[in-house]
Amino acid sequence: MQGMHLTVLSSQCVLLEPGVSLDPANPEQYAADIIEFLQKNRIQGLIYDLKELALIDKTYYQWLKYLFTLCKLNNTQLVAIHMKPSAAYGLSCFMKEPPPFETALNIESARRVFNQV
């Protein structure tokens, strides 16, 4: 998929690493490919790696919420990992409620959220 790299970690868990060409302003362009991948691989947990993201603005947050909705429609749990303090601060500046997705420190702790240890 253009703009992201997906790595299957187990039979039911995948790591999504966004690339520099990911366009969070147009999330609809990724919907069909993401849903097809989740369904084809019967993914129950999607780990979204935020390590390269210094700041989460409103547009990027809308993208994450859109991805959460796609996951939820497929009965897949979304966990964001490696959120930098600056990204967390940026996110907190405009959030009015907790994010719909879970967060974790790293892959190992995210997998615990999925009960796949």
N, C-alpha and C. Protein backbone atom coordinates (compact mmCIF):
# COMPACT_ATOMS: atom_id res chain seq x y z
N MET A 1 0.83 -1.19 0.00
CA MET A 1 0.00 0.00 0.00
C MET A 1 0.88 1.24 0.00
N GLN A 2 0.53 2.17 -0.82
CA GLN A 2 1.31 3.39 -0.91
C GLN A 2 1.13 4.22 0.35
N GLY A 3 2.22 4.70 0.91
CA GLY A 3 2.18 5.55 2.08
C GLY A 3 2.31 4.82 3.40
N MET A 4 2.34 3.48 3.35
CA MET A 4 2.46 2.72 4.59
C MET A 4 3.05 1.35 4.30
N HIS A 5 3.65 0.79 5.34
CA HIS A 5 4.21 -0.56 5.24
C HIS A 5 3.53 -1.42 6.30
N LEU A 6 3.02 -2.58 5.89
CA LEU A 6 2.36 -3.50 6.80
C LEU A 6 3.22 -4.74 6.97
N THR A 7 3.47 -5.11 8.22
CA THR A 7 4.25 -6.30 8.55
C THR A 7 3.40 -7.20 9.43
N VAL A 8 3.15 -8.42 8.96
CA VAL A 8 2.39 -9.37 9.76
C VAL A 8 3.31 -9.88 10.87
N LEU A 9 2.89 -9.70 12.12
CA LEU A 9 3.68 -10.11 13.27
C LEU A 9 3.29 -11.49 13.77
N SER A 10 2.04 -11.85 13.56
CA SER A 10 1.54 -13.16 13.96
C SER A 10 0.35 -13.46 13.06
N SER A 11 -0.28 -14.57 13.31
CA SER A 11 -1.41 -14.93 12.47
C SER A 11 -2.58 -13.97 12.59
N GLN A 12 -2.59 -13.14 13.63
CA GLN A 12 -3.73 -12.24 13.82
C GLN A 12 -3.33 -10.81 14.18
N CYS A 13 -2.06 -10.47 14.04
CA CYS A 13 -1.58 -9.16 14.46
C CYS A 13 -0.66 -8.58 13.38
N VAL A 14 -0.82 -7.28 13.09
CA VAL A 14 -0.03 -6.63 12.06
C VAL A 14 0.50 -5.29 12.57
N LEU A 15 1.70 -4.92 12.11
CA LEU A 15 2.32 -3.64 12.41
C LEU A 15 2.17 -2.73 11.20
N LEU A 16 1.63 -1.54 11.40
CA LEU A 16 1.51 -0.55 10.33
C LEU A 16 2.50 0.56 10.61
N GLU A 17 3.42 0.77 9.66
CA GLU A 17 4.40 1.86 9.77
C GLU A 17 4.09 2.85 8.65
N PRO A 18 3.61 4.05 9.03
CA PRO A 18 3.30 5.04 8.00
C PRO A 18 4.58 5.58 7.37
N GLY A 19 4.51 5.84 6.08
CA GLY A 19 5.65 6.42 5.37
C GLY A 19 5.46 7.91 5.17
N VAL A 20 6.48 8.53 4.60
CA VAL A 20 6.42 9.98 4.39
C VAL A 20 5.37 10.35 3.34
N SER A 21 5.00 9.40 2.48
CA SER A 21 4.02 9.71 1.44
C SER A 21 2.58 9.49 1.90
N LEU A 22 2.37 9.08 3.17
CA LEU A 22 1.02 8.93 3.69
C LEU A 22 0.34 10.29 3.70
N ASP A 23 -0.87 10.35 3.16
CA ASP A 23 -1.62 11.60 3.12
C ASP A 23 -2.80 11.52 4.08
N PRO A 24 -2.63 11.99 5.32
CA PRO A 24 -3.72 11.88 6.30
C PRO A 24 -4.92 12.76 5.96
N ALA A 25 -4.76 13.70 5.05
CA ALA A 25 -5.87 14.57 4.67
C ALA A 25 -6.87 13.86 3.76
N ASN A 26 -6.47 12.73 3.17
CA ASN A 26 -7.34 11.97 2.28
C ASN A 26 -7.41 10.50 2.69
N PRO A 27 -7.98 10.22 3.85
CA PRO A 27 -7.97 8.85 4.36
C PRO A 27 -8.77 7.87 3.52
N GLU A 28 -9.77 8.38 2.78
CA GLU A 28 -10.61 7.49 1.98
C GLU A 28 -9.83 6.72 0.94
N GLN A 29 -8.71 7.28 0.48
CA GLN A 29 -7.92 6.61 -0.55
C GLN A 29 -7.30 5.30 -0.06
N TYR A 30 -7.24 5.12 1.24
CA TYR A 30 -6.63 3.91 1.81
C TYR A 30 -7.66 2.87 2.26
N ALA A 31 -8.92 3.25 2.33
CA ALA A 31 -9.95 2.41 2.94
C ALA A 31 -10.06 1.03 2.31
N ALA A 32 -10.21 0.95 1.01
CA ALA A 32 -10.42 -0.35 0.35
C ALA A 32 -9.24 -1.28 0.58
N ASP A 33 -8.02 -0.77 0.43
CA ASP A 33 -6.83 -1.61 0.62
C ASP A 33 -6.69 -2.08 2.06
N ILE A 34 -6.96 -1.20 3.01
CA ILE A 34 -6.84 -1.57 4.42
C ILE A 34 -7.87 -2.63 4.79
N ILE A 35 -9.11 -2.39 4.41
CA ILE A 35 -10.17 -3.36 4.73
C ILE A 35 -9.87 -4.71 4.08
N GLU A 36 -9.44 -4.69 2.82
CA GLU A 36 -9.12 -5.94 2.14
C GLU A 36 -7.99 -6.69 2.86
N PHE A 37 -6.96 -5.96 3.28
CA PHE A 37 -5.83 -6.58 3.98
C PHE A 37 -6.29 -7.18 5.32
N LEU A 38 -7.05 -6.42 6.07
CA LEU A 38 -7.52 -6.90 7.38
C LEU A 38 -8.39 -8.15 7.24
N GLN A 39 -9.28 -8.12 6.26
CA GLN A 39 -10.18 -9.26 6.06
C GLN A 39 -9.44 -10.48 5.51
N LYS A 40 -8.61 -10.26 4.52
CA LYS A 40 -7.88 -11.36 3.89
C LYS A 40 -6.99 -12.09 4.90
N ASN A 41 -6.36 -11.33 5.80
CA ASN A 41 -5.44 -11.91 6.77
C ASN A 41 -6.08 -12.18 8.13
N ARG A 42 -7.38 -11.91 8.25
CA ARG A 42 -8.13 -12.13 9.50
C ARG A 42 -7.43 -11.49 10.70
N ILE A 43 -7.04 -10.24 10.50
CA ILE A 43 -6.30 -9.51 11.51
C ILE A 43 -7.22 -9.08 12.65
N GLN A 44 -6.81 -9.38 13.87
CA GLN A 44 -7.58 -8.98 15.05
C GLN A 44 -6.94 -7.79 15.77
N GLY A 45 -5.66 -7.53 15.52
CA GLY A 45 -4.97 -6.43 16.16
C GLY A 45 -4.06 -5.70 15.19
N LEU A 46 -4.22 -4.38 15.10
CA LEU A 46 -3.37 -3.54 14.25
C LEU A 46 -2.58 -2.62 15.15
N ILE A 47 -1.26 -2.70 15.06
CA ILE A 47 -0.37 -1.84 15.84
C ILE A 47 0.13 -0.73 14.92
N TYR A 48 -0.15 0.51 15.29
CA TYR A 48 0.21 1.67 14.47
C TYR A 48 1.42 2.35 15.10
N ASP A 49 2.53 2.37 14.37
CA ASP A 49 3.79 2.90 14.91
C ASP A 49 3.90 4.40 14.63
N LEU A 50 3.94 5.19 15.70
CA LEU A 50 4.02 6.65 15.60
C LEU A 50 5.44 7.19 15.80
N LYS A 51 6.45 6.32 15.78
CA LYS A 51 7.81 6.74 16.14
C LYS A 51 8.38 7.87 15.28
N GLU A 52 7.95 7.98 14.04
CA GLU A 52 8.48 9.03 13.15
C GLU A 52 7.67 10.32 13.20
N LEU A 53 6.61 10.34 13.99
CA LEU A 53 5.71 11.49 14.03
C LEU A 53 6.02 12.37 15.23
N ALA A 54 6.49 13.58 14.96
CA ALA A 54 6.85 14.50 16.04
C ALA A 54 5.63 15.21 16.62
N LEU A 55 4.59 15.39 15.81
CA LEU A 55 3.42 16.14 16.25
C LEU A 55 2.16 15.53 15.64
N ILE A 56 1.13 15.39 16.43
CA ILE A 56 -0.17 14.96 15.93
C ILE A 56 -1.06 16.19 15.90
N ASP A 57 -1.40 16.62 14.69
CA ASP A 57 -2.31 17.75 14.54
C ASP A 57 -3.73 17.23 14.31
N LYS A 58 -4.68 18.14 14.11
CA LYS A 58 -6.08 17.73 13.95
C LYS A 58 -6.27 16.84 12.73
N THR A 59 -5.58 17.11 11.65
CA THR A 59 -5.71 16.30 10.44
C THR A 59 -5.22 14.88 10.68
N TYR A 60 -4.07 14.76 11.33
CA TYR A 60 -3.54 13.42 11.59
C TYR A 60 -4.42 12.67 12.58
N TYR A 61 -4.95 13.38 13.55
CA TYR A 61 -5.85 12.74 14.51
C TYR A 61 -7.11 12.23 13.81
N GLN A 62 -7.63 13.01 12.87
CA GLN A 62 -8.81 12.56 12.10
C GLN A 62 -8.47 11.29 11.31
N TRP A 63 -7.24 11.22 10.78
CA TRP A 63 -6.80 10.01 10.08
C TRP A 63 -6.79 8.81 11.03
N LEU A 64 -6.25 9.01 12.23
CA LEU A 64 -6.21 7.91 13.20
C LEU A 64 -7.62 7.47 13.61
N LYS A 65 -8.52 8.41 13.76
CA LYS A 65 -9.90 8.06 14.08
C LYS A 65 -10.57 7.34 12.92
N TYR A 66 -10.26 7.75 11.71
CA TYR A 66 -10.80 7.07 10.52
C TYR A 66 -10.28 5.63 10.46
N LEU A 67 -8.99 5.45 10.71
CA LEU A 67 -8.40 4.11 10.73
C LEU A 67 -9.04 3.27 11.84
N PHE A 68 -9.27 3.87 13.00
CA PHE A 68 -9.95 3.17 14.08
C PHE A 68 -11.32 2.66 13.63
N THR A 69 -12.06 3.51 12.91
CA THR A 69 -13.39 3.12 12.42
C THR A 69 -13.28 1.96 11.44
N LEU A 70 -12.31 2.00 10.53
CA LEU A 70 -12.10 0.89 9.60
C LEU A 70 -11.80 -0.39 10.37
N CYS A 71 -10.96 -0.28 11.37
CA CYS A 71 -10.61 -1.45 12.18
C CYS A 71 -11.84 -1.98 12.91
N LYS A 72 -12.59 -1.09 13.50
CA LYS A 72 -13.76 -1.50 14.27
C LYS A 72 -14.78 -2.21 13.37
N LEU A 73 -14.96 -1.72 12.15
CA LEU A 73 -15.87 -2.37 11.21
C LEU A 73 -15.43 -3.79 10.88
N ASN A 74 -14.14 -4.04 11.02
CA ASN A 74 -13.58 -5.36 10.73
C ASN A 74 -13.35 -6.18 12.00
N ASN A 75 -13.80 -5.67 13.13
CA ASN A 75 -13.58 -6.33 14.43
C ASN A 75 -12.09 -6.48 14.74
N THR A 76 -11.34 -5.44 14.41
CA THR A 76 -9.89 -5.37 14.66
C THR A 76 -9.62 -4.27 15.67
N GLN A 77 -8.76 -4.54 16.63
CA GLN A 77 -8.42 -3.56 17.64
C GLN A 77 -7.20 -2.76 17.18
N LEU A 78 -7.24 -1.45 17.35
CA LEU A 78 -6.14 -0.56 16.97
C LEU A 78 -5.42 -0.08 18.22
N VAL A 79 -4.08 -0.25 18.22
CA VAL A 79 -3.23 0.25 19.31
C VAL A 79 -2.10 1.06 18.68
N ALA A 80 -1.94 2.31 19.12
CA ALA A 80 -0.85 3.17 18.66
C ALA A 80 0.33 3.04 19.61
N ILE A 81 1.53 2.92 19.05
CA ILE A 81 2.74 2.78 19.87
C ILE A 81 3.75 3.86 19.54
N HIS A 82 4.74 3.99 20.42
CA HIS A 82 5.88 4.90 20.25
C HIS A 82 5.47 6.36 20.08
N MET A 83 4.43 6.79 20.78
CA MET A 83 4.02 8.19 20.68
C MET A 83 5.02 9.06 21.45
N LYS A 84 5.61 10.01 20.76
CA LYS A 84 6.57 10.91 21.38
C LYS A 84 5.84 11.90 22.29
N PRO A 85 6.53 12.40 23.31
CA PRO A 85 5.90 13.40 24.20
C PRO A 85 5.36 14.61 23.44
N SER A 86 6.08 15.06 22.42
CA SER A 86 5.61 16.22 21.66
C SER A 86 4.32 15.90 20.90
N ALA A 87 4.20 14.68 20.39
CA ALA A 87 2.99 14.27 19.69
C ALA A 87 1.83 14.16 20.68
N ALA A 88 2.09 13.60 21.85
CA ALA A 88 1.05 13.47 22.87
C ALA A 88 0.58 14.85 23.33
N TYR A 89 1.53 15.78 23.49
CA TYR A 89 1.16 17.13 23.90
C TYR A 89 0.30 17.80 22.83
N GLY A 90 0.72 17.71 21.57
CA GLY A 90 -0.05 18.29 20.48
C GLY A 90 -1.46 17.74 20.43
N LEU A 91 -1.57 16.45 20.62
CA LEU A 91 -2.87 15.79 20.63
C LEU A 91 -3.74 16.30 21.79
N SER A 92 -3.13 16.46 22.94
CA SER A 92 -3.89 16.89 24.12
C SER A 92 -4.40 18.33 24.01
N CYS A 93 -3.78 19.12 23.16
CA CYS A 93 -4.17 20.53 23.04
C CYS A 93 -5.56 20.73 22.43
N PHE A 94 -6.03 19.77 21.64
CA PHE A 94 -7.34 19.96 21.01
C PHE A 94 -8.33 18.83 21.28
N MET A 95 -7.91 17.80 21.97
CA MET A 95 -8.82 16.69 22.26
C MET A 95 -9.83 17.10 23.34
N LYS A 96 -11.07 16.68 23.14
CA LYS A 96 -12.10 16.95 24.13
C LYS A 96 -12.51 15.69 24.87
N GLU A 97 -12.07 14.54 24.36
CA GLU A 97 -12.36 13.25 24.97
C GLU A 97 -11.20 12.31 24.67
N PRO A 98 -11.09 11.23 25.41
CA PRO A 98 -9.99 10.29 25.13
C PRO A 98 -10.07 9.74 23.71
N PRO A 99 -8.93 9.41 23.13
CA PRO A 99 -8.96 8.85 21.77
C PRO A 99 -9.68 7.50 21.78
N PRO A 100 -10.30 7.12 20.67
CA PRO A 100 -11.02 5.85 20.63
C PRO A 100 -10.11 4.63 20.61
N PHE A 101 -8.86 4.83 20.25
CA PHE A 101 -7.91 3.72 20.15
C PHE A 101 -7.06 3.64 21.41
N GLU A 102 -6.48 2.47 21.61
CA GLU A 102 -5.57 2.25 22.74
C GLU A 102 -4.18 2.77 22.38
N THR A 103 -3.36 3.01 23.40
CA THR A 103 -1.95 3.34 23.19
C THR A 103 -1.11 2.41 24.05
N ALA A 104 0.13 2.21 23.60
CA ALA A 104 1.07 1.36 24.33
C ALA A 104 2.47 1.88 24.05
N LEU A 105 3.42 1.46 24.89
CA LEU A 105 4.80 1.92 24.72
C LEU A 105 5.47 1.33 23.49
N ASN A 106 5.26 0.02 23.26
CA ASN A 106 5.99 -0.67 22.20
C ASN A 106 5.18 -1.87 21.70
N ILE A 107 5.77 -2.62 20.79
CA ILE A 107 5.08 -3.77 20.21
C ILE A 107 4.71 -4.79 21.28
N GLU A 108 5.63 -5.07 22.17
CA GLU A 108 5.36 -6.08 23.19
C GLU A 108 4.17 -5.70 24.06
N SER A 109 4.12 -4.45 24.50
CA SER A 109 3.00 -4.04 25.34
C SER A 109 1.70 -3.96 24.54
N ALA A 110 1.80 -3.62 23.26
CA ALA A 110 0.60 -3.60 22.40
C ALA A 110 0.05 -5.01 22.25
N ARG A 111 0.93 -5.98 22.08
CA ARG A 111 0.47 -7.36 21.94
C ARG A 111 -0.21 -7.85 23.21
N ARG A 112 0.22 -7.35 24.36
CA ARG A 112 -0.46 -7.69 25.61
C ARG A 112 -1.89 -7.16 25.61
N VAL A 113 -2.08 -5.99 25.01
CA VAL A 113 -3.42 -5.44 24.89
C VAL A 113 -4.31 -6.40 24.10
N PHE A 114 -3.73 -7.03 23.08
CA PHE A 114 -4.46 -7.98 22.25
C PHE A 114 -4.52 -9.38 22.87
N ASN A 115 -3.87 -9.54 24.02
CA ASN A 115 -3.80 -10.87 24.66
C ASN A 115 -3.12 -11.90 23.76
N GLN A 116 -2.05 -11.47 23.10
CA GLN A 116 -1.32 -12.37 22.20
C GLN A 116 0.10 -12.60 22.68
N VAL A 117 0.32 -12.56 23.95
CA VAL A 117 1.67 -12.77 24.47
C VAL A 117 2.05 -14.22 24.33
